[in-house]
Amino acid sequence: MTVLRRGDTGVAVADIRARLVRLRLLEPDSEASLDAAEYDGAVEQAVRAFQQQRGIPSDGICGPQTLRHLEEARWSLGDRVLAYTPGHLIRGDDVFDLQQRLTRMGFDCGRPDGIFGPLTDSALREFQRNVGMETDGTCGFTTYWALERLTRTVGDGDAVSIRERQAMDALRSGVAGKVIALDPGGADADQRFALAEATIVADVCARIEGRLAALGTQVIYTRTPAPELIGEAERAGHANAASADLVLSLHVERVELPGANGFSTFYFGAPLGGGQSEGGRIAAEHIQAEVCRRTDLTDCRSHPRTWDLLRLTTMPAVWVEMGYLSHPGDAARLTDPRFRDTLSEAIAVAVTDFFAPAS
């Protein structure tokens, strides 16, 4: 697993620098050789700016997730041939652009996420059929120019939001009969905190499950609560396979900043705009409001992010940060069973409200 950080040198760092230069986040350094390219303070700041733009953790370190996003950012629509390849889905900003264009013209790609999946394939074939082209599901030179010509005549209507609102109306038939996927959070590098997180999250999940199951929902888990890390893509896959109606990913945070504290929620979306999950946003805001109304946790609000678990799930998903074990106040609350019961009650009530028929 490649991880590049401040102080590293070499060809891999040179590649990172070149990508950041192309994105206009870093000034070019014409004197540096490939072998001597350095991951210095300027690169670290440029990486942080890129991470903030993409809605991924902003730590200035190029790990696997940041490297994937840098790879996706290099592509513009028309740079390469796009097609649906099961098992090896093409990802990139060019795919996101294609999805947005098709959506604006009324072809349903689902939620634009930059991943060329079966819905994008179906929408592209329908577009090709409508303009009299061969329906091969391939976005090559001919299809690209057909898109270019027609995109200029189509406005910027928000078809995705309209479809998501329609889907939300269909979901709002009550919580009974719904499938809720609980996703116990990942593991901390420090084993002491990993075990504490797993214990807290397992207890909150069990309390939420008990309340929702009593209302007639089916509750499933994406993984067994444990102090081991399982990839977000695998956990998202379990939720998708179960056709869940909502995913709740529950986490306890720990950071080196002792003052960091509070409760926050996250849903799929880019911080600087673009496609987002309307259902995820509404569910996140319901949970945020209900928890902060019933507890004295600091309100850190709801935010859009493009983390893999939020991006790869096909249903509304909410990432819940329940507090910081590195903060004495939050830690005292989270280790109190009575407080965890209040927290669980608030989340269960918010989920019930989310599915309640619109008045």
Protein backbone atom coordinates (compact mmCIF):
# COMPACT_ATOMS: atom_id res chain seq x y z
CA MET A 1 0.00 0.00 0.00
CA THR A 2 1.66 3.20 -1.24
CA VAL A 3 1.74 6.10 1.22
CA LEU A 4 3.70 9.25 0.40
CA ARG A 5 4.25 12.06 2.86
CA ARG A 6 6.44 15.06 3.65
CA GLY A 7 10.14 14.20 3.41
CA ASP A 8 9.76 11.46 0.77
CA THR A 9 11.63 11.72 -2.53
CA GLY A 10 11.75 9.85 -5.81
CA VAL A 11 9.87 9.13 -9.02
CA ALA A 12 6.53 8.54 -7.28
CA VAL A 13 6.77 11.98 -5.68
CA ALA A 14 7.61 13.49 -9.07
CA ASP A 15 4.41 11.98 -10.45
CA ILE A 16 2.38 13.48 -7.59
CA ARG A 17 3.97 16.88 -8.18
CA ALA A 18 3.21 16.70 -11.91
CA ARG A 19 -0.45 15.88 -11.24
CA LEU A 20 -0.79 18.76 -8.79
CA VAL A 21 0.82 21.12 -11.31
CA ARG A 22 -1.71 20.04 -13.97
CA LEU A 23 -4.48 20.77 -11.48
CA ARG A 24 -2.97 24.24 -10.89
CA LEU A 25 -2.49 23.53 -7.22
CA LEU A 26 1.32 23.65 -7.35
CA GLU A 27 3.86 25.76 -9.17
CA PRO A 28 6.11 23.79 -11.55
CA ASP A 29 9.71 23.11 -10.51
CA SER A 30 11.73 22.89 -13.70
CA GLU A 31 15.01 22.23 -11.88
CA ALA A 32 14.00 19.09 -9.98
CA SER A 33 14.99 15.73 -11.47
CA LEU A 34 12.67 12.74 -11.22
CA ASP A 35 14.82 10.94 -8.67
CA ALA A 36 15.32 14.06 -6.54
CA ALA A 37 11.72 15.27 -6.52
CA GLU A 38 10.82 16.09 -2.92
CA TYR A 39 7.54 15.91 -1.04
CA ASP A 40 8.08 19.27 0.66
CA GLY A 41 5.83 21.72 2.46
CA ALA A 42 4.45 23.14 -0.79
CA VAL A 43 3.42 19.66 -1.96
CA GLU A 44 1.84 18.91 1.41
CA GLN A 45 -0.24 22.10 1.25
CA ALA A 46 -1.25 21.38 -2.36
CA VAL A 47 -2.32 17.86 -1.36
CA ARG A 48 -4.38 19.28 1.50
CA ALA A 49 -6.10 21.72 -0.88
CA PHE A 50 -6.84 18.86 -3.31
CA GLN A 51 -8.24 16.69 -0.52
CA GLN A 52 -10.50 19.51 0.65
CA GLN A 53 -11.80 19.99 -2.90
CA ARG A 54 -12.56 16.28 -3.26
CA GLY A 55 -14.19 15.81 0.15
CA ILE A 56 -11.69 13.28 1.51
CA PRO A 57 -9.69 13.47 4.77
CA SER A 58 -7.38 16.51 4.56
CA ASP A 59 -4.15 15.28 6.14
CA GLY A 60 -1.62 16.27 3.47
CA ILE A 61 -0.63 12.59 3.03
CA CYS A 62 -0.98 10.72 -0.26
CA GLY A 63 -2.48 7.39 0.75
CA PRO A 64 -4.50 5.01 -1.44
CA GLN A 65 -7.69 7.10 -1.37
CA THR A 66 -5.92 10.34 -2.31
CA LEU A 67 -3.94 8.59 -5.04
CA ARG A 68 -7.18 7.19 -6.50
CA HIS A 69 -8.71 10.65 -6.57
CA LEU A 70 -5.60 12.13 -8.19
CA GLU A 71 -5.85 9.45 -10.87
CA GLU A 72 -9.54 10.21 -11.42
CA ALA A 73 -8.88 13.96 -11.62
CA ARG A 74 -6.48 13.56 -14.54
CA TRP A 75 -9.24 12.59 -17.00
CA SER A 76 -11.49 14.98 -18.93
CA LEU A 77 -14.37 13.76 -21.06
CA GLY A 78 -13.00 12.80 -24.48
CA ASP A 79 -9.53 11.86 -23.23
CA ARG A 80 -10.24 8.11 -23.37
CA VAL A 81 -12.86 5.59 -24.42
CA LEU A 82 -15.41 4.86 -21.71
CA ALA A 83 -17.44 1.66 -21.38
CA TYR A 84 -18.94 -0.63 -18.76
CA THR A 85 -16.47 -3.37 -17.77
CA PRO A 86 -17.91 -5.57 -14.97
CA GLY A 87 -15.35 -6.28 -12.29
CA HIS A 88 -13.12 -3.39 -13.41
CA LEU A 89 -15.32 -0.30 -13.37
CA ILE A 90 -13.81 2.80 -14.96
CA ARG A 91 -13.68 5.77 -12.60
CA GLY A 92 -12.79 9.38 -13.24
CA ASP A 93 -13.88 12.97 -13.61
CA ASP A 94 -14.66 12.22 -17.27
CA VAL A 95 -17.22 9.61 -16.15
CA PHE A 96 -18.74 12.16 -13.75
CA ASP A 97 -18.99 14.71 -16.60
CA LEU A 98 -20.62 12.08 -18.84
CA GLN A 99 -23.15 11.22 -16.13
CA GLN A 100 -24.03 14.86 -15.57
CA ARG A 101 -24.54 15.49 -19.29
CA LEU A 102 -26.73 12.42 -19.73
CA THR A 103 -28.76 13.36 -16.65
CA ARG A 104 -29.37 16.90 -17.90
CA MET A 105 -30.74 15.42 -21.14
CA GLY A 106 -33.14 13.18 -19.23
CA PHE A 107 -31.26 9.87 -19.30
CA ASP A 108 -31.20 8.26 -15.86
CA CYS A 109 -27.67 7.41 -14.66
CA GLY A 110 -28.69 7.35 -11.03
CA ARG A 111 -26.66 9.61 -8.77
CA PRO A 112 -23.56 10.93 -10.62
CA ASP A 113 -20.58 9.44 -8.79
CA GLY A 114 -17.80 9.18 -11.38
CA ILE A 115 -18.11 5.37 -11.60
CA PHE A 116 -19.13 3.80 -14.94
CA GLY A 117 -21.60 1.20 -13.69
CA PRO A 118 -24.62 -0.56 -15.20
CA LEU A 119 -26.95 2.45 -14.83
CA THR A 120 -24.51 4.66 -16.76
CA ASP A 121 -24.18 1.96 -19.41
CA SER A 122 -27.97 1.78 -19.78
CA ALA A 123 -28.32 5.58 -19.96
CA LEU A 124 -25.56 5.88 -22.56
CA ARG A 125 -27.12 3.17 -24.73
CA GLU A 126 -30.50 4.91 -24.49
CA PHE A 127 -28.85 8.18 -25.57
CA GLN A 128 -27.20 6.46 -28.53
CA ARG A 129 -30.53 4.87 -29.50
CA ASN A 130 -32.28 8.24 -29.37
CA VAL A 131 -29.75 9.98 -31.64
CA GLY A 132 -29.63 7.11 -34.15
CA MET A 133 -26.17 5.81 -33.28
CA GLU A 134 -24.95 2.26 -32.80
CA THR A 135 -26.01 1.29 -29.27
CA ASP A 136 -22.72 -0.24 -28.17
CA GLY A 137 -22.54 1.50 -24.75
CA THR A 138 -19.13 2.92 -25.63
CA CYS A 139 -18.34 6.60 -25.28
CA GLY A 140 -15.70 7.08 -27.95
CA PHE A 141 -15.02 9.90 -30.40
CA THR A 142 -18.38 9.76 -32.23
CA THR A 143 -20.51 9.56 -29.09
CA TYR A 144 -18.45 12.28 -27.42
CA TRP A 145 -19.09 14.74 -30.24
CA ALA A 146 -22.80 13.89 -30.29
CA LEU A 147 -22.85 14.71 -26.58
CA GLU A 148 -20.95 17.96 -27.21
CA ARG A 149 -23.43 19.11 -29.86
CA LEU A 150 -26.53 18.29 -27.84
CA THR A 151 -25.24 19.47 -24.46
CA ARG A 152 -25.02 23.03 -25.79
CA THR A 153 -28.78 23.03 -26.43
CA VAL A 154 -29.78 21.65 -23.04
CA GLY A 155 -30.10 23.75 -19.88
CA ASP A 156 -28.73 22.97 -16.44
CA GLY A 157 -31.87 21.39 -14.98
CA ASP A 158 -31.40 19.45 -11.76
CA ALA A 159 -32.88 16.11 -12.86
CA VAL A 160 -30.93 14.19 -10.22
CA SER A 161 -32.52 16.14 -7.37
CA ILE A 162 -35.96 15.69 -8.92
CA ARG A 163 -35.46 11.91 -9.16
CA GLU A 164 -34.07 11.76 -5.64
CA ARG A 165 -37.06 13.67 -4.30
CA GLN A 166 -39.35 11.23 -6.10
CA ALA A 167 -37.41 8.33 -4.57
CA MET A 168 -37.71 9.99 -1.17
CA ASP A 169 -41.48 10.26 -1.59
CA ALA A 170 -41.58 6.51 -2.28
CA LEU A 171 -39.47 5.79 0.82
CA ARG A 172 -41.71 7.84 3.09
CA SER A 173 -44.22 5.10 3.81
CA GLY A 174 -43.18 4.50 7.40
CA VAL A 175 -40.20 2.75 8.94
CA ALA A 176 -41.96 -0.64 9.20
CA GLY A 177 -40.73 -3.05 6.55
CA LYS A 178 -37.63 -1.03 5.72
CA VAL A 179 -34.13 -2.54 5.66
CA ILE A 180 -31.59 -0.57 7.72
CA ALA A 181 -27.90 -1.41 7.34
CA LEU A 182 -25.79 -0.64 10.40
CA ASP A 183 -22.10 -0.21 9.58
CA PRO A 184 -19.88 -0.43 12.70
CA GLY A 185 -16.92 1.91 12.18
CA GLY A 186 -13.32 1.08 11.40
CA ALA A 187 -10.34 0.52 13.65
CA ASP A 188 -7.82 2.93 15.17
CA ALA A 189 -4.12 2.35 14.69
CA ASP A 190 -3.75 2.42 18.48
CA GLN A 191 -5.12 -0.90 19.74
CA ARG A 192 -6.40 0.61 23.00
CA PHE A 193 -8.61 3.07 21.16
CA ALA A 194 -9.60 0.47 18.54
CA LEU A 195 -11.01 -1.79 21.25
CA ALA A 196 -12.76 1.11 23.00
CA GLU A 197 -14.28 2.28 19.71
CA ALA A 198 -15.49 -1.22 18.83
CA THR A 199 -17.07 -1.64 22.28
CA ILE A 200 -18.89 1.71 22.13
CA VAL A 201 -20.05 1.28 18.55
CA ALA A 202 -21.24 -2.30 19.17
CA ASP A 203 -23.33 -1.15 22.12
CA VAL A 204 -24.89 1.78 20.23
CA CYS A 205 -25.63 -0.47 17.23
CA ALA A 206 -27.35 -3.02 19.47
CA ARG A 207 -29.48 -0.34 21.12
CA ILE A 208 -30.47 1.16 17.74
CA GLU A 209 -31.24 -2.31 16.38
CA GLY A 210 -33.50 -3.10 19.33
CA ARG A 211 -35.51 0.06 18.91
CA LEU A 212 -35.88 -0.18 15.12
CA ALA A 213 -36.62 -3.92 15.11
CA ALA A 214 -39.46 -3.27 17.57
CA LEU A 215 -40.99 -0.96 14.95
CA GLY A 216 -40.94 -3.67 12.27
CA THR A 217 -37.70 -2.87 10.43
CA GLN A 218 -35.16 -5.43 9.29
CA VAL A 219 -31.73 -4.50 10.64
CA ILE A 220 -28.60 -5.94 9.03
CA TYR A 221 -24.89 -5.37 9.69
CA THR A 222 -22.23 -4.70 7.06
CA ARG A 223 -19.66 -6.30 9.40
CA THR A 224 -19.31 -7.69 12.90
CA PRO A 225 -18.37 -4.92 15.38
CA ALA A 226 -14.69 -5.60 16.04
CA PRO A 227 -11.40 -3.67 16.44
CA GLU A 228 -10.22 -4.64 12.95
CA LEU A 229 -10.38 -2.56 9.79
CA ILE A 230 -12.48 -3.75 6.85
CA GLY A 231 -12.45 -1.75 3.60
CA GLU A 232 -15.30 0.66 2.93
CA ALA A 233 -15.92 -0.81 -0.53
CA GLU A 234 -16.55 -4.26 0.94
CA ARG A 235 -18.93 -2.88 3.56
CA ALA A 236 -20.79 -0.81 0.94
CA GLY A 237 -21.09 -3.94 -1.17
CA HIS A 238 -22.85 -5.78 1.67
CA ALA A 239 -25.39 -2.95 2.02
CA ASN A 240 -26.01 -2.88 -1.74
CA ALA A 241 -26.42 -6.66 -1.92
CA ALA A 242 -29.05 -6.49 0.83
CA SER A 243 -30.92 -3.70 -1.01
CA ALA A 244 -30.93 -1.63 2.17
CA ASP A 245 -33.11 1.46 2.32
CA LEU A 246 -30.67 3.39 4.55
CA VAL A 247 -27.10 2.91 5.76
CA LEU A 248 -25.88 4.24 9.10
CA SER A 249 -22.09 4.13 9.49
CA LEU A 250 -21.25 4.71 13.16
CA HIS A 251 -17.85 5.94 14.32
CA VAL A 252 -15.93 7.26 17.32
CA GLU A 253 -13.07 9.58 16.46
CA ARG A 254 -9.64 10.16 17.97
CA VAL A 255 -7.29 12.97 16.87
CA GLU A 256 -4.13 14.60 18.14
CA LEU A 257 -5.98 17.89 18.75
CA PRO A 258 -7.24 17.62 22.34
CA GLY A 259 -9.76 20.42 21.85
CA ALA A 260 -11.62 18.63 19.02
CA ASN A 261 -15.02 17.46 20.22
CA GLY A 262 -18.64 17.11 19.22
CA PHE A 263 -21.13 15.27 17.05
CA SER A 264 -21.23 15.44 13.24
CA THR A 265 -22.84 13.67 10.30
CA PHE A 266 -21.77 13.26 6.69
CA TYR A 267 -23.50 12.34 3.43
CA PHE A 268 -22.34 11.81 -0.15
CA GLY A 269 -21.46 15.01 -2.02
CA ALA A 270 -18.55 17.17 -3.07
CA PRO A 271 -17.88 20.08 -0.67
CA LEU A 272 -17.46 22.52 -3.57
CA GLY A 273 -20.67 21.51 -5.34
CA GLY A 274 -21.79 18.93 -7.87
CA GLY A 275 -23.84 15.80 -7.41
CA GLN A 276 -24.95 14.83 -3.93
CA SER A 277 -27.30 12.39 -2.24
CA GLU A 278 -30.47 14.28 -1.43
CA GLY A 279 -31.76 11.42 0.72
CA GLY A 280 -28.43 11.16 2.51
CA ARG A 281 -28.45 14.88 3.25
CA ILE A 282 -31.97 14.80 4.67
CA ALA A 283 -31.23 11.74 6.82
CA ALA A 284 -27.98 13.28 8.08
CA GLU A 285 -29.70 16.51 9.03
CA HIS A 286 -32.48 14.62 10.83
CA ILE A 287 -29.93 12.69 12.89
CA GLN A 288 -27.81 15.78 13.57
CA ALA A 289 -30.77 17.79 14.80
CA GLU A 290 -32.26 15.04 16.97
CA VAL A 291 -28.97 14.11 18.68
CA CYS A 292 -28.06 17.73 19.39
CA ARG A 293 -31.56 18.39 20.73
CA ARG A 294 -31.37 15.49 23.21
CA THR A 295 -27.69 15.73 24.27
CA ASP A 296 -25.13 18.41 25.13
CA LEU A 297 -22.63 17.27 22.48
CA THR A 298 -21.17 20.14 20.46
CA ASP A 299 -23.08 20.55 17.19
CA CYS A 300 -20.48 20.12 14.42
CA ARG A 301 -23.21 20.06 11.74
CA SER A 302 -23.76 17.93 8.61
CA HIS A 303 -21.30 17.97 5.71
CA PRO A 304 -20.96 16.49 2.19
CA ARG A 305 -18.05 14.09 1.64
CA THR A 306 -16.95 11.64 -1.07
CA TRP A 307 -15.67 8.88 1.20
CA ASP A 308 -15.93 5.46 -0.41
CA LEU A 309 -18.67 4.16 1.87
CA LEU A 310 -20.88 7.15 1.02
CA ARG A 311 -19.96 7.11 -2.65
CA LEU A 312 -20.33 3.40 -3.34
CA THR A 313 -23.65 2.80 -1.59
CA THR A 314 -26.65 3.08 -3.90
CA MET A 315 -29.09 4.15 -1.20
CA PRO A 316 -29.05 7.11 1.24
CA ALA A 317 -26.11 6.70 3.62
CA VAL A 318 -25.05 8.68 6.68
CA TRP A 319 -21.61 8.61 8.30
CA VAL A 320 -22.08 9.40 12.00
CA GLU A 321 -19.18 10.68 14.12
CA MET A 322 -20.49 10.26 17.66
CA GLY A 323 -17.68 12.07 19.46
CA TYR A 324 -13.97 12.04 20.26
CA LEU A 325 -12.30 9.62 22.64
CA SER A 326 -9.35 12.03 22.62
CA HIS A 327 -11.53 14.66 24.32
CA PRO A 328 -12.15 14.14 28.07
CA GLY A 329 -15.73 15.41 27.94
CA ASP A 330 -16.77 13.32 24.93
CA ALA A 331 -14.94 10.27 26.28
CA ALA A 332 -16.79 10.52 29.61
CA ARG A 333 -20.12 10.70 27.81
CA LEU A 334 -19.43 7.87 25.36
CA THR A 335 -18.27 5.48 28.08
CA ASP A 336 -21.49 6.07 30.08
CA PRO A 337 -24.16 3.45 29.16
CA ARG A 338 -26.96 5.87 30.03
CA PHE A 339 -25.60 8.45 27.61
CA ARG A 340 -25.22 5.80 24.87
CA ASP A 341 -28.85 4.88 25.43
CA THR A 342 -29.91 8.50 24.94
CA LEU A 343 -27.73 8.72 21.83
CA SER A 344 -29.22 5.52 20.39
CA GLU A 345 -32.75 6.69 21.11
CA ALA A 346 -32.09 9.97 19.29
CA ILE A 347 -30.71 8.20 16.21
CA ALA A 348 -33.62 5.72 16.13
CA VAL A 349 -36.16 8.55 16.41
CA ALA A 350 -34.43 10.46 13.60
CA VAL A 351 -34.50 7.37 11.36
CA THR A 352 -38.21 6.91 12.10
CA ASP A 353 -38.87 10.56 11.23
CA PHE A 354 -36.84 10.20 8.02
CA PHE A 355 -39.17 7.46 6.77
CA ALA A 356 -42.37 9.05 8.09
CA PRO A 357 -44.93 10.07 5.43
CA ALA A 358 -44.67 13.72 4.49
CA SER A 359 -47.36 15.79 6.16
